[in-house]
Amino acid sequence: MTTFDDRERASEANFAREEEMAFRITARRNRLLGGWAAHEMQLTPEETDAYATALVHADMEGGGDDDVVRKLVGDLTAAGLDHDEATVRRALAQQMIEARRQLLESH
């Protein structure tokens, strides 16, 4: 039974590492996405940092990409920009790739 217990603990540890990495990638993606949106809205560097941080926190509160997309489309529209959901989802996908690359390179 020791071998089985060891395998179970290793599997649980691996799952925990994968979940933590997925969380970190999503948080990094949201920060990058916030930077993209802030650039589009021509925010100052200070506003950009605050906006990116707010986007990370908004995703933690609501959870899910749909909430992030709705917030971004609403904010971009309020800023007078014509960015639809498809544009935001493309940016989200691009930033996910970049976030994964950045985090995997750092490990």
PDB file of N, CA and C in Angstrom:
ATOM      1  N   MET A   1       0.808  -1.195   0.000  1.00  0.00           N
ATOM      2  CA  MET A   1       0.000   0.000   0.000  1.00  0.00           C
ATOM      3  C   MET A   1       0.856   1.266   0.000  1.00  0.00           C
ATOM      4  N   THR A   2       2.088   1.184   0.417  1.00  0.00           N
ATOM      5  CA  THR A   2       2.946   2.351   0.468  1.00  0.00           C
ATOM      6  C   THR A   2       3.164   2.936  -0.920  1.00  0.00           C
ATOM      7  N   THR A   3       3.386   2.092  -1.886  1.00  0.00           N
ATOM      8  CA  THR A   3       3.592   2.559  -3.255  1.00  0.00           C
ATOM      9  C   THR A   3       2.344   3.281  -3.757  1.00  0.00           C
ATOM     10  N   PHE A   4       1.174   2.722  -3.465  1.00  0.00           N
ATOM     11  CA  PHE A   4      -0.069   3.360  -3.865  1.00  0.00           C
ATOM     12  C   PHE A   4      -0.215   4.718  -3.180  1.00  0.00           C
ATOM     13  N   ASP A   5       0.076   4.792  -1.903  1.00  0.00           N
ATOM     14  CA  ASP A   5      -0.010   6.053  -1.161  1.00  0.00           C
ATOM     15  C   ASP A   5       0.964   7.083  -1.721  1.00  0.00           C
ATOM     16  N   ASP A   6       2.166   6.642  -2.050  1.00  0.00           N
ATOM     17  CA  ASP A   6       3.161   7.549  -2.634  1.00  0.00           C
ATOM     18  C   ASP A   6       2.678   8.087  -3.979  1.00  0.00           C
ATOM     19  N   ARG A   7       2.115   7.222  -4.788  1.00  0.00           N
ATOM     20  CA  ARG A   7       1.588   7.651  -6.093  1.00  0.00           C
ATOM     21  C   ARG A   7       0.442   8.634  -5.922  1.00  0.00           C
ATOM     22  N   GLU A   8      -0.410   8.352  -4.955  1.00  0.00           N
ATOM     23  CA  GLU A   8      -1.545   9.244  -4.715  1.00  0.00           C
ATOM     24  C   GLU A   8      -1.062  10.627  -4.270  1.00  0.00           C
ATOM     25  N   ARG A   9      -0.103  10.669  -3.363  1.00  0.00           N
ATOM     26  CA  ARG A   9       0.459  11.957  -2.905  1.00  0.00           C
ATOM     27  C   ARG A   9       1.148  12.686  -4.057  1.00  0.00           C
ATOM     28  N   ALA A  10       1.876  11.971  -4.876  1.00  0.00           N
ATOM     29  CA  ALA A  10       2.548  12.593  -6.023  1.00  0.00           C
ATOM     30  C   ALA A  10       1.524  13.143  -7.008  1.00  0.00           C
ATOM     31  N   SER A  11       0.449  12.410  -7.223  1.00  0.00           N
ATOM     32  CA  SER A  11      -0.596  12.853  -8.131  1.00  0.00           C
ATOM     33  C   SER A  11      -1.277  14.117  -7.587  1.00  0.00           C
ATOM     34  N   GLU A  12      -1.545  14.136  -6.300  1.00  0.00           N
ATOM     35  CA  GLU A  12      -2.158  15.302  -5.679  1.00  0.00           C
ATOM     36  C   GLU A  12      -1.235  16.518  -5.742  1.00  0.00           C
ATOM     37  N   ALA A  13       0.041  16.304  -5.516  1.00  0.00           N
ATOM     38  CA  ALA A  13       1.009  17.406  -5.584  1.00  0.00           C
ATOM     39  C   ALA A  13       1.107  17.947  -7.005  1.00  0.00           C
ATOM     40  N   ASN A  14       1.103  17.048  -7.983  1.00  0.00           N
ATOM     41  CA  ASN A  14       1.159  17.463  -9.379  1.00  0.00           C
ATOM     42  C   ASN A  14      -0.092  18.262  -9.754  1.00  0.00           C
ATOM     43  N   PHE A  15      -1.249  17.804  -9.305  1.00  0.00           N
ATOM     44  CA  PHE A  15      -2.492  18.516  -9.571  1.00  0.00           C
ATOM     45  C   PHE A  15      -2.441  19.916  -8.964  1.00  0.00           C
ATOM     46  N   ALA A  16      -1.956  20.025  -7.746  1.00  0.00           N
ATOM     47  CA  ALA A  16      -1.860  21.329  -7.080  1.00  0.00           C
ATOM     48  C   ALA A  16      -0.922  22.268  -7.841  1.00  0.00           C
ATOM     49  N   ARG A  17       0.205  21.755  -8.319  1.00  0.00           N
ATOM     50  CA  ARG A  17       1.140  22.571  -9.104  1.00  0.00           C
ATOM     51  C   ARG A  17       0.497  23.046 -10.401  1.00  0.00           C
ATOM     52  N   GLU A  18      -0.211  22.147 -11.064  1.00  0.00           N
ATOM     53  CA  GLU A  18      -0.880  22.514 -12.320  1.00  0.00           C
ATOM     54  C   GLU A  18      -1.958  23.566 -12.087  1.00  0.00           C
ATOM     55  N   GLU A  19      -2.719  23.437 -11.019  1.00  0.00           N
ATOM     56  CA  GLU A  19      -3.756  24.415 -10.697  1.00  0.00           C
ATOM     57  C   GLU A  19      -3.142  25.779 -10.374  1.00  0.00           C
ATOM     58  N   GLU A  20      -2.052  25.774  -9.628  1.00  0.00           N
ATOM     59  CA  GLU A  20      -1.380  27.025  -9.302  1.00  0.00           C
ATOM     60  C   GLU A  20      -0.843  27.694 -10.563  1.00  0.00           C
ATOM     61  N   MET A  21      -0.251  26.917 -11.458  1.00  0.00           N
ATOM     62  CA  MET A  21       0.275  27.479 -12.698  1.00  0.00           C
ATOM     63  C   MET A  21      -0.855  28.035 -13.558  1.00  0.00           C
ATOM     64  N   ALA A  22      -1.969  27.333 -13.637  1.00  0.00           N
ATOM     65  CA  ALA A  22      -3.114  27.825 -14.416  1.00  0.00           C
ATOM     66  C   ALA A  22      -3.613  29.149 -13.844  1.00  0.00           C
ATOM     67  N   PHE A  23      -3.670  29.257 -12.529  1.00  0.00           N
ATOM     68  CA  PHE A  23      -4.092  30.504 -11.883  1.00  0.00           C
ATOM     69  C   PHE A  23      -3.123  31.632 -12.215  1.00  0.00           C
ATOM     70  N   ARG A  24      -1.838  31.352 -12.114  1.00  0.00           N
ATOM     71  CA  ARG A  24      -0.824  32.371 -12.387  1.00  0.00           C
ATOM     72  C   ARG A  24      -0.853  32.815 -13.851  1.00  0.00           C
ATOM     73  N   ILE A  25      -1.055  31.870 -14.760  1.00  0.00           N
ATOM     74  CA  ILE A  25      -1.125  32.206 -16.181  1.00  0.00           C
ATOM     75  C   ILE A  25      -2.335  33.104 -16.441  1.00  0.00           C
ATOM     76  N   THR A  26      -3.471  32.760 -15.863  1.00  0.00           N
ATOM     77  CA  THR A  26      -4.676  33.569 -16.068  1.00  0.00           C
ATOM     78  C   THR A  26      -4.504  34.967 -15.477  1.00  0.00           C
ATOM     79  N   ALA A  27      -3.926  35.054 -14.297  1.00  0.00           N
ATOM     80  CA  ALA A  27      -3.693  36.375 -13.693  1.00  0.00           C
ATOM     81  C   ALA A  27      -2.736  37.200 -14.555  1.00  0.00           C
ATOM     82  N   ARG A  28      -1.678  36.573 -15.056  1.00  0.00           N
ATOM     83  CA  ARG A  28      -0.730  37.279 -15.931  1.00  0.00           C
ATOM     84  C   ARG A  28      -1.423  37.702 -17.223  1.00  0.00           C
ATOM     85  N   ARG A  29      -2.239  36.810 -17.778  1.00  0.00           N
ATOM     86  CA  ARG A  29      -2.978  37.137 -18.995  1.00  0.00           C
ATOM     87  C   ARG A  29      -3.864  38.360 -18.770  1.00  0.00           C
ATOM     88  N   ASN A  30      -4.554  38.390 -17.653  1.00  0.00           N
ATOM     89  CA  ASN A  30      -5.453  39.507 -17.378  1.00  0.00           C
ATOM     90  C   ASN A  30      -4.678  40.809 -17.192  1.00  0.00           C
ATOM     91  N   ARG A  31      -3.507  40.728 -16.583  1.00  0.00           N
ATOM     92  CA  ARG A  31      -2.678  41.931 -16.428  1.00  0.00           C
ATOM     93  C   ARG A  31      -2.226  42.424 -17.815  1.00  0.00           C
ATOM     94  N   LEU A  32      -1.781  41.508 -18.661  1.00  0.00           N
ATOM     95  CA  LEU A  32      -1.371  41.878 -20.022  1.00  0.00           C
ATOM     96  C   LEU A  32      -2.555  42.426 -20.822  1.00  0.00           C
ATOM     97  N   LEU A  33      -3.701  41.800 -20.661  1.00  0.00           N
ATOM     98  CA  LEU A  33      -4.913  42.248 -21.355  1.00  0.00           C
ATOM     99  C   LEU A  33      -5.319  43.640 -20.882  1.00  0.00           C
ATOM    100  N   GLY A  34      -5.178  43.882 -19.581  1.00  0.00           N
ATOM    101  CA  GLY A  34      -5.450  45.214 -19.051  1.00  0.00           C
ATOM    102  C   GLY A  34      -4.508  46.251 -19.631  1.00  0.00           C
ATOM    103  N   GLY A  35      -3.256  45.864 -19.819  1.00  0.00           N
ATOM    104  CA  GLY A  35      -2.289  46.764 -20.452  1.00  0.00           C
ATOM    105  C   GLY A  35      -2.645  47.055 -21.891  1.00  0.00           C
ATOM    106  N   TRP A  36      -3.096  46.026 -22.605  1.00  0.00           N
ATOM    107  CA  TRP A  36      -3.529  46.214 -23.992  1.00  0.00           C
ATOM    108  C   TRP A  36      -4.711  47.182 -24.057  1.00  0.00           C
ATOM    109  N   ALA A  37      -5.716  46.941 -23.212  1.00  0.00           N
ATOM    110  CA  ALA A  37      -6.915  47.791 -23.222  1.00  0.00           C
ATOM    111  C   ALA A  37      -6.571  49.220 -22.815  1.00  0.00           C
ATOM    112  N   ALA A  38      -5.706  49.367 -21.823  1.00  0.00           N
ATOM    113  CA  ALA A  38      -5.304  50.707 -21.373  1.00  0.00           C
ATOM    114  C   ALA A  38      -4.584  51.449 -22.493  1.00  0.00           C
ATOM    115  N   HIS A  39      -3.745  50.731 -23.236  1.00  0.00           N
ATOM    116  CA  HIS A  39      -3.064  51.342 -24.382  1.00  0.00           C
ATOM    117  C   HIS A  39      -4.090  51.809 -25.412  1.00  0.00           C
ATOM    118  N   GLU A  40      -5.069  50.954 -25.693  1.00  0.00           N
ATOM    119  CA  GLU A  40      -6.121  51.303 -26.648  1.00  0.00           C
ATOM    120  C   GLU A  40      -6.884  52.551 -26.187  1.00  0.00           C
ATOM    121  N   MET A  41      -7.094  52.664 -24.871  1.00  0.00           N
ATOM    122  CA  MET A  41      -7.839  53.804 -24.317  1.00  0.00           C
ATOM    123  C   MET A  41      -6.943  55.011 -24.054  1.00  0.00           C
ATOM    124  N   GLN A  42      -5.648  54.860 -24.362  1.00  0.00           N
ATOM    125  CA  GLN A  42      -4.657  55.926 -24.194  1.00  0.00           C
ATOM    126  C   GLN A  42      -4.574  56.420 -22.744  1.00  0.00           C
ATOM    127  N   LEU A  43      -4.522  55.472 -21.819  1.00  0.00           N
ATOM    128  CA  LEU A  43      -4.384  55.820 -20.411  1.00  0.00           C
ATOM    129  C   LEU A  43      -2.929  56.139 -20.086  1.00  0.00           C
ATOM    130  N   THR A  44      -2.724  56.871 -19.025  1.00  0.00           N
ATOM    131  CA  THR A  44      -1.375  57.186 -18.567  1.00  0.00           C
ATOM    132  C   THR A  44      -0.743  55.917 -17.988  1.00  0.00           C
ATOM    133  N   PRO A  45       0.580  55.910 -17.796  1.00  0.00           N
ATOM    134  CA  PRO A  45       1.216  54.731 -17.189  1.00  0.00           C
ATOM    135  C   PRO A  45       0.628  54.375 -15.817  1.00  0.00           C
ATOM    136  N   GLU A  46       0.317  55.377 -15.017  1.00  0.00           N
ATOM    137  CA  GLU A  46      -0.263  55.120 -13.694  1.00  0.00           C
ATOM    138  C   GLU A  46      -1.663  54.534 -13.829  1.00  0.00           C
ATOM    139  N   GLU A  47      -2.449  55.094 -14.748  1.00  0.00           N
ATOM    140  CA  GLU A  47      -3.793  54.576 -14.987  1.00  0.00           C
ATOM    141  C   GLU A  47      -3.730  53.169 -15.566  1.00  0.00           C
ATOM    142  N   THR A  48      -2.740  52.913 -16.405  1.00  0.00           N
ATOM    143  CA  THR A  48      -2.568  51.589 -17.007  1.00  0.00           C
ATOM    144  C   THR A  48      -2.325  50.547 -15.935  1.00  0.00           C
ATOM    145  N   ASP A  49      -1.431  50.840 -15.008  1.00  0.00           N
ATOM    146  CA  ASP A  49      -1.136  49.898 -13.929  1.00  0.00           C
ATOM    147  C   ASP A  49      -2.371  49.644 -13.075  1.00  0.00           C
ATOM    148  N   ALA A  50      -3.076  50.703 -12.733  1.00  0.00           N
ATOM    149  CA  ALA A  50      -4.288  50.560 -11.922  1.00  0.00           C
ATOM    150  C   ALA A  50      -5.359  49.765 -12.671  1.00  0.00           C
ATOM    151  N   TYR A  51      -5.509  50.026 -13.953  1.00  0.00           N
ATOM    152  CA  TYR A  51      -6.513  49.327 -14.738  1.00  0.00           C
ATOM    153  C   TYR A  51      -6.177  47.836 -14.846  1.00  0.00           C
ATOM    154  N   ALA A  52      -4.924  47.526 -15.117  1.00  0.00           N
ATOM    155  CA  ALA A  52      -4.512  46.117 -15.235  1.00  0.00           C
ATOM    156  C   ALA A  52      -4.734  45.384 -13.919  1.00  0.00           C
ATOM    157  N   THR A  53      -4.404  46.024 -12.815  1.00  0.00           N
ATOM    158  CA  THR A  53      -4.621  45.416 -11.501  1.00  0.00           C
ATOM    159  C   THR A  53      -6.105  45.214 -11.238  1.00  0.00           C
ATOM    160  N   ALA A  54      -6.921  46.198 -11.594  1.00  0.00           N
ATOM    161  CA  ALA A  54      -8.368  46.093 -11.402  1.00  0.00           C
ATOM    162  C   ALA A  54      -8.945  44.943 -12.226  1.00  0.00           C
ATOM    163  N   LEU A  55      -8.421  44.741 -13.417  1.00  0.00           N
ATOM    164  CA  LEU A  55      -8.909  43.661 -14.264  1.00  0.00           C
ATOM    165  C   LEU A  55      -8.570  42.297 -13.658  1.00  0.00           C
ATOM    166  N   VAL A  56      -7.387  42.173 -13.089  1.00  0.00           N
ATOM    167  CA  VAL A  56      -7.011  40.920 -12.412  1.00  0.00           C
ATOM    168  C   VAL A  56      -7.964  40.657 -11.256  1.00  0.00           C
ATOM    169  N   HIS A  57      -8.230  41.681 -10.447  1.00  0.00           N
ATOM    170  CA  HIS A  57      -9.124  41.523  -9.301  1.00  0.00           C
ATOM    171  C   HIS A  57     -10.564  41.251  -9.734  1.00  0.00           C
ATOM    172  N   ALA A  58     -11.007  41.889 -10.805  1.00  0.00           N
ATOM    173  CA  ALA A  58     -12.369  41.676 -11.292  1.00  0.00           C
ATOM    174  C   ALA A  58     -12.569  40.220 -11.705  1.00  0.00           C
ATOM    175  N   ASP A  59     -11.553  39.628 -12.321  1.00  0.00           N
ATOM    176  CA  ASP A  59     -11.667  38.231 -12.738  1.00  0.00           C
ATOM    177  C   ASP A  59     -11.721  37.315 -11.526  1.00  0.00           C
ATOM    178  N   MET A  60     -10.984  37.646 -10.472  1.00  0.00           N
ATOM    179  CA  MET A  60     -10.995  36.822  -9.262  1.00  0.00           C
ATOM    180  C   MET A  60     -12.351  36.876  -8.578  1.00  0.00           C
ATOM    181  N   GLU A  61     -12.999  38.014  -8.629  1.00  0.00           N
ATOM    182  CA  GLU A  61     -14.302  38.167  -7.990  1.00  0.00           C
ATOM    183  C   GLU A  61     -15.395  37.458  -8.772  1.00  0.00           C
ATOM    184  N   GLY A  62     -15.402  37.671 -10.100  1.00  0.00           N
ATOM    185  CA  GLY A  62     -16.470  37.103 -10.913  1.00  0.00           C
ATOM    186  C   GLY A  62     -16.129  35.730 -11.448  1.00  0.00           C
ATOM    187  N   GLY A  63     -14.909  35.562 -11.836  1.00  0.00           N
ATOM    188  CA  GLY A  63     -14.483  34.280 -12.401  1.00  0.00           C
ATOM    189  C   GLY A  63     -14.991  34.082 -13.811  1.00  0.00           C
ATOM    190  N   GLY A  64     -14.140  33.578 -14.643  1.00  0.00           N
ATOM    191  CA  GLY A  64     -14.541  33.257 -16.008  1.00  0.00           C
ATOM    192  C   GLY A  64     -14.197  34.340 -17.000  1.00  0.00           C
ATOM    193  N   ASP A  65     -13.917  33.893 -18.206  1.00  0.00           N
ATOM    194  CA  ASP A  65     -13.528  34.812 -19.270  1.00  0.00           C
ATOM    195  C   ASP A  65     -14.669  35.722 -19.707  1.00  0.00           C
ATOM    196  N   ASP A  66     -15.910  35.253 -19.619  1.00  0.00           N
ATOM    197  CA  ASP A  66     -17.039  36.059 -20.078  1.00  0.00           C
ATOM    198  C   ASP A  66     -17.144  37.368 -19.301  1.00  0.00           C
ATOM    199  N   ASP A  67     -16.902  37.328 -17.995  1.00  0.00           N
ATOM    200  CA  ASP A  67     -16.950  38.545 -17.188  1.00  0.00           C
ATOM    201  C   ASP A  67     -15.859  39.522 -17.612  1.00  0.00           C
ATOM    202  N   VAL A  68     -14.678  39.003 -17.870  1.00  0.00           N
ATOM    203  CA  VAL A  68     -13.560  39.844 -18.303  1.00  0.00           C
ATOM    204  C   VAL A  68     -13.870  40.472 -19.662  1.00  0.00           C
ATOM    205  N   VAL A  69     -14.389  39.678 -20.578  1.00  0.00           N
ATOM    206  CA  VAL A  69     -14.713  40.180 -21.909  1.00  0.00           C
ATOM    207  C   VAL A  69     -15.786  41.262 -21.819  1.00  0.00           C
ATOM    208  N   ARG A  70     -16.845  41.013 -21.045  1.00  0.00           N
ATOM    209  CA  ARG A  70     -17.911  42.017 -20.893  1.00  0.00           C
ATOM    210  C   ARG A  70     -17.371  43.319 -20.322  1.00  0.00           C
ATOM    211  N   LYS A  71     -16.524  43.217 -19.305  1.00  0.00           N
ATOM    212  CA  LYS A  71     -15.954  44.422 -18.698  1.00  0.00           C
ATOM    213  C   LYS A  71     -15.128  45.191 -19.725  1.00  0.00           C
ATOM    214  N   LEU A  72     -14.277  44.484 -20.441  1.00  0.00           N
ATOM    215  CA  LEU A  72     -13.421  45.148 -21.426  1.00  0.00           C
ATOM    216  C   LEU A  72     -14.230  45.792 -22.546  1.00  0.00           C
ATOM    217  N   VAL A  73     -15.208  45.082 -23.081  1.00  0.00           N
ATOM    218  CA  VAL A  73     -16.034  45.650 -24.150  1.00  0.00           C
ATOM    219  C   VAL A  73     -16.741  46.897 -23.632  1.00  0.00           C
ATOM    220  N   GLY A  74     -17.276  46.823 -22.417  1.00  0.00           N
ATOM    221  CA  GLY A  74     -17.953  47.977 -21.832  1.00  0.00           C
ATOM    222  C   GLY A  74     -17.020  49.154 -21.628  1.00  0.00           C
ATOM    223  N   ASP A  75     -15.836  48.892 -21.091  1.00  0.00           N
ATOM    224  CA  ASP A  75     -14.865  49.966 -20.848  1.00  0.00           C
ATOM    225  C   ASP A  75     -14.368  50.584 -22.147  1.00  0.00           C
ATOM    226  N   LEU A  76     -14.088  49.734 -23.132  1.00  0.00           N
ATOM    227  CA  LEU A  76     -13.608  50.238 -24.419  1.00  0.00           C
ATOM    228  C   LEU A  76     -14.696  51.038 -25.129  1.00  0.00           C
ATOM    229  N   THR A  77     -15.922  50.577 -25.048  1.00  0.00           N
ATOM    230  CA  THR A  77     -17.042  51.299 -25.654  1.00  0.00           C
ATOM    231  C   THR A  77     -17.246  52.639 -24.952  1.00  0.00           C
ATOM    232  N   ALA A  78     -17.173  52.629 -23.617  1.00  0.00           N
ATOM    233  CA  ALA A  78     -17.326  53.869 -22.853  1.00  0.00           C
ATOM    234  C   ALA A  78     -16.226  54.870 -23.197  1.00  0.00           C
ATOM    235  N   ALA A  79     -15.070  54.367 -23.592  1.00  0.00           N
ATOM    236  CA  ALA A  79     -13.952  55.237 -23.977  1.00  0.00           C
ATOM    237  C   ALA A  79     -14.085  55.709 -25.420  1.00  0.00           C
ATOM    238  N   GLY A  80     -15.167  55.319 -26.082  1.00  0.00           N
ATOM    239  CA  GLY A  80     -15.399  55.771 -27.450  1.00  0.00           C
ATOM    240  C   GLY A  80     -14.726  54.925 -28.515  1.00  0.00           C
ATOM    241  N   LEU A  81     -14.298  53.727 -28.147  1.00  0.00           N
ATOM    242  CA  LEU A  81     -13.625  52.845 -29.104  1.00  0.00           C
ATOM    243  C   LEU A  81     -14.601  51.811 -29.635  1.00  0.00           C
ATOM    244  N   ASP A  82     -14.400  51.414 -30.861  1.00  0.00           N
ATOM    245  CA  ASP A  82     -15.272  50.445 -31.513  1.00  0.00           C
ATOM    246  C   ASP A  82     -14.607  49.068 -31.492  1.00  0.00           C
ATOM    247  N   HIS A  83     -14.525  48.469 -30.309  1.00  0.00           N
ATOM    248  CA  HIS A  83     -13.939  47.132 -30.159  1.00  0.00           C
ATOM    249  C   HIS A  83     -15.065  46.193 -29.729  1.00  0.00           C
ATOM    250  N   ASP A  84     -15.387  45.251 -30.598  1.00  0.00           N
ATOM    251  CA  ASP A  84     -16.457  44.322 -30.280  1.00  0.00           C
ATOM    252  C   ASP A  84     -15.921  43.127 -29.493  1.00  0.00           C
ATOM    253  N   GLU A  85     -16.828  42.228 -29.154  1.00  0.00           N
ATOM    254  CA  GLU A  85     -16.460  41.056 -28.361  1.00  0.00           C
ATOM    255  C   GLU A  85     -15.419  40.197 -29.073  1.00  0.00           C
ATOM    256  N   ALA A  86     -15.544  40.048 -30.388  1.00  0.00           N
ATOM    257  CA  ALA A  86     -14.589  39.226 -31.145  1.00  0.00           C
ATOM    258  C   ALA A  86     -13.181  39.814 -31.056  1.00  0.00           C
ATOM    259  N   THR A  87     -13.054  41.126 -31.125  1.00  0.00           N
ATOM    260  CA  THR A  87     -11.743  41.780 -31.020  1.00  0.00           C
ATOM    261  C   THR A  87     -11.143  41.532 -29.646  1.00  0.00           C
ATOM    262  N   VAL A  88     -11.962  41.669 -28.620  1.00  0.00           N
ATOM    263  CA  VAL A  88     -11.483  41.457 -27.252  1.00  0.00           C
ATOM    264  C   VAL A  88     -11.095  39.996 -27.040  1.00  0.00           C
ATOM    265  N   ARG A  89     -11.877  39.084 -27.568  1.00  0.00           N
ATOM    266  CA  ARG A  89     -11.543  37.652 -27.416  1.00  0.00           C
ATOM    267  C   ARG A  89     -10.245  37.296 -28.152  1.00  0.00           C
ATOM    268  N   ARG A  90      -9.992  37.933 -29.299  1.00  0.00           N
ATOM    269  CA  ARG A  90      -8.713  37.706 -29.991  1.00  0.00           C
ATOM    270  C   ARG A  90      -7.556  38.216 -29.131  1.00  0.00           C
ATOM    271  N   ALA A  91      -7.728  39.396 -28.544  1.00  0.00           N
ATOM    272  CA  ALA A  91      -6.694  39.943 -27.670  1.00  0.00           C
ATOM    273  C   ALA A  91      -6.501  39.042 -26.449  1.00  0.00           C
ATOM    274  N   LEU A  92      -7.584  38.520 -25.921  1.00  0.00           N
ATOM    275  CA  LEU A  92      -7.512  37.615 -24.773  1.00  0.00           C
ATOM    276  C   LEU A  92      -6.697  36.373 -25.142  1.00  0.00           C
ATOM    277  N   ALA A  93      -6.956  35.803 -26.303  1.00  0.00           N
ATOM    278  CA  ALA A  93      -6.228  34.611 -26.748  1.00  0.00           C
ATOM    279  C   ALA A  93      -4.741  34.923 -26.963  1.00  0.00           C
ATOM    280  N   GLN A  94      -4.442  36.065 -27.555  1.00  0.00           N
ATOM    281  CA  GLN A  94      -3.044  36.446 -27.772  1.00  0.00           C
ATOM    282  C   GLN A  94      -2.318  36.654 -26.450  1.00  0.00           C
ATOM    283  N   GLN A  95      -2.987  37.289 -25.505  1.00  0.00           N
ATOM    284  CA  GLN A  95      -2.348  37.546 -24.214  1.00  0.00           C
ATOM    285  C   GLN A  95      -2.198  36.261 -23.399  1.00  0.00           C
ATOM    286  N   MET A  96      -3.084  35.293 -23.615  1.00  0.00           N
ATOM    287  CA  MET A  96      -2.941  34.000 -22.943  1.00  0.00           C
ATOM    288  C   MET A  96      -1.671  33.304 -23.417  1.00  0.00           C
ATOM    289  N   ILE A  97      -1.414  33.365 -24.711  1.00  0.00           N
ATOM    290  CA  ILE A  97      -0.197  32.772 -25.268  1.00  0.00           C
ATOM    291  C   ILE A  97       1.028  33.460 -24.682  1.00  0.00           C
ATOM    292  N   GLU A  98       0.997  34.781 -24.636  1.00  0.00           N
ATOM    293  CA  GLU A  98       2.135  35.536 -24.098  1.00  0.00           C
ATOM    294  C   GLU A  98       2.331  35.260 -22.611  1.00  0.00           C
ATOM    295  N   ALA A  99       1.253  35.201 -21.853  1.00  0.00           N
ATOM    296  CA  ALA A  99       1.358  34.930 -20.412  1.00  0.00           C
ATOM    297  C   ALA A  99       1.971  33.555 -20.164  1.00  0.00           C
ATOM    298  N   ARG A 100       1.508  32.562 -20.911  1.00  0.00           N
ATOM    299  CA  ARG A 100       2.060  31.208 -20.771  1.00  0.00           C
ATOM    300  C   ARG A 100       3.549  31.200 -21.111  1.00  0.00           C
ATOM    301  N   ARG A 101       3.913  31.884 -22.206  1.00  0.00           N
ATOM    302  CA  ARG A 101       5.317  31.943 -22.611  1.00  0.00           C
ATOM    303  C   ARG A 101       6.162  32.587 -21.517  1.00  0.00           C
ATOM    304  N   GLN A 102       5.702  33.702 -20.987  1.00  0.00           N
ATOM    305  CA  GLN A 102       6.468  34.413 -19.962  1.00  0.00           C
ATOM    306  C   GLN A 102       6.664  33.544 -18.711  1.00  0.00           C
ATOM    307  N   LEU A 103       5.618  32.899 -18.255  1.00  0.00           N
ATOM    308  CA  LEU A 103       5.729  32.109 -17.035  1.00  0.00           C
ATOM    309  C   LEU A 103       6.529  30.830 -17.233  1.00  0.00           C
ATOM    310  N   LEU A 104       6.386  30.206 -18.377  1.00  0.00           N
ATOM    311  CA  LEU A 104       7.147  28.985 -18.616  1.00  0.00           C
ATOM    312  C   LEU A 104       8.629  29.279 -18.814  1.00  0.00           C
ATOM    313  N   GLU A 105       8.945  30.444 -19.395  1.00  0.00           N
ATOM    314  CA  GLU A 105      10.345  30.827 -19.550  1.00  0.00           C
ATOM    315  C   GLU A 105      10.994  31.128 -18.197  1.00  0.00           C
ATOM    316  N   SER A 106      10.213  31.628 -17.272  1.00  0.00           N
ATOM    317  CA  SER A 106      10.782  32.017 -15.978  1.00  0.00           C
ATOM    318  C   SER A 106      10.976  30.820 -15.056  1.00  0.00           C
ATOM    319  N   HIS A 107      10.469  29.654 -15.471  1.00  0.00           N
ATOM    320  CA  HIS A 107      10.631  28.453 -14.624  1.00  0.00           C
ATOM    321  C   HIS A 107      11.602  27.525 -15.228  1.00  0.00           C
TER     322      HIS A 107
END
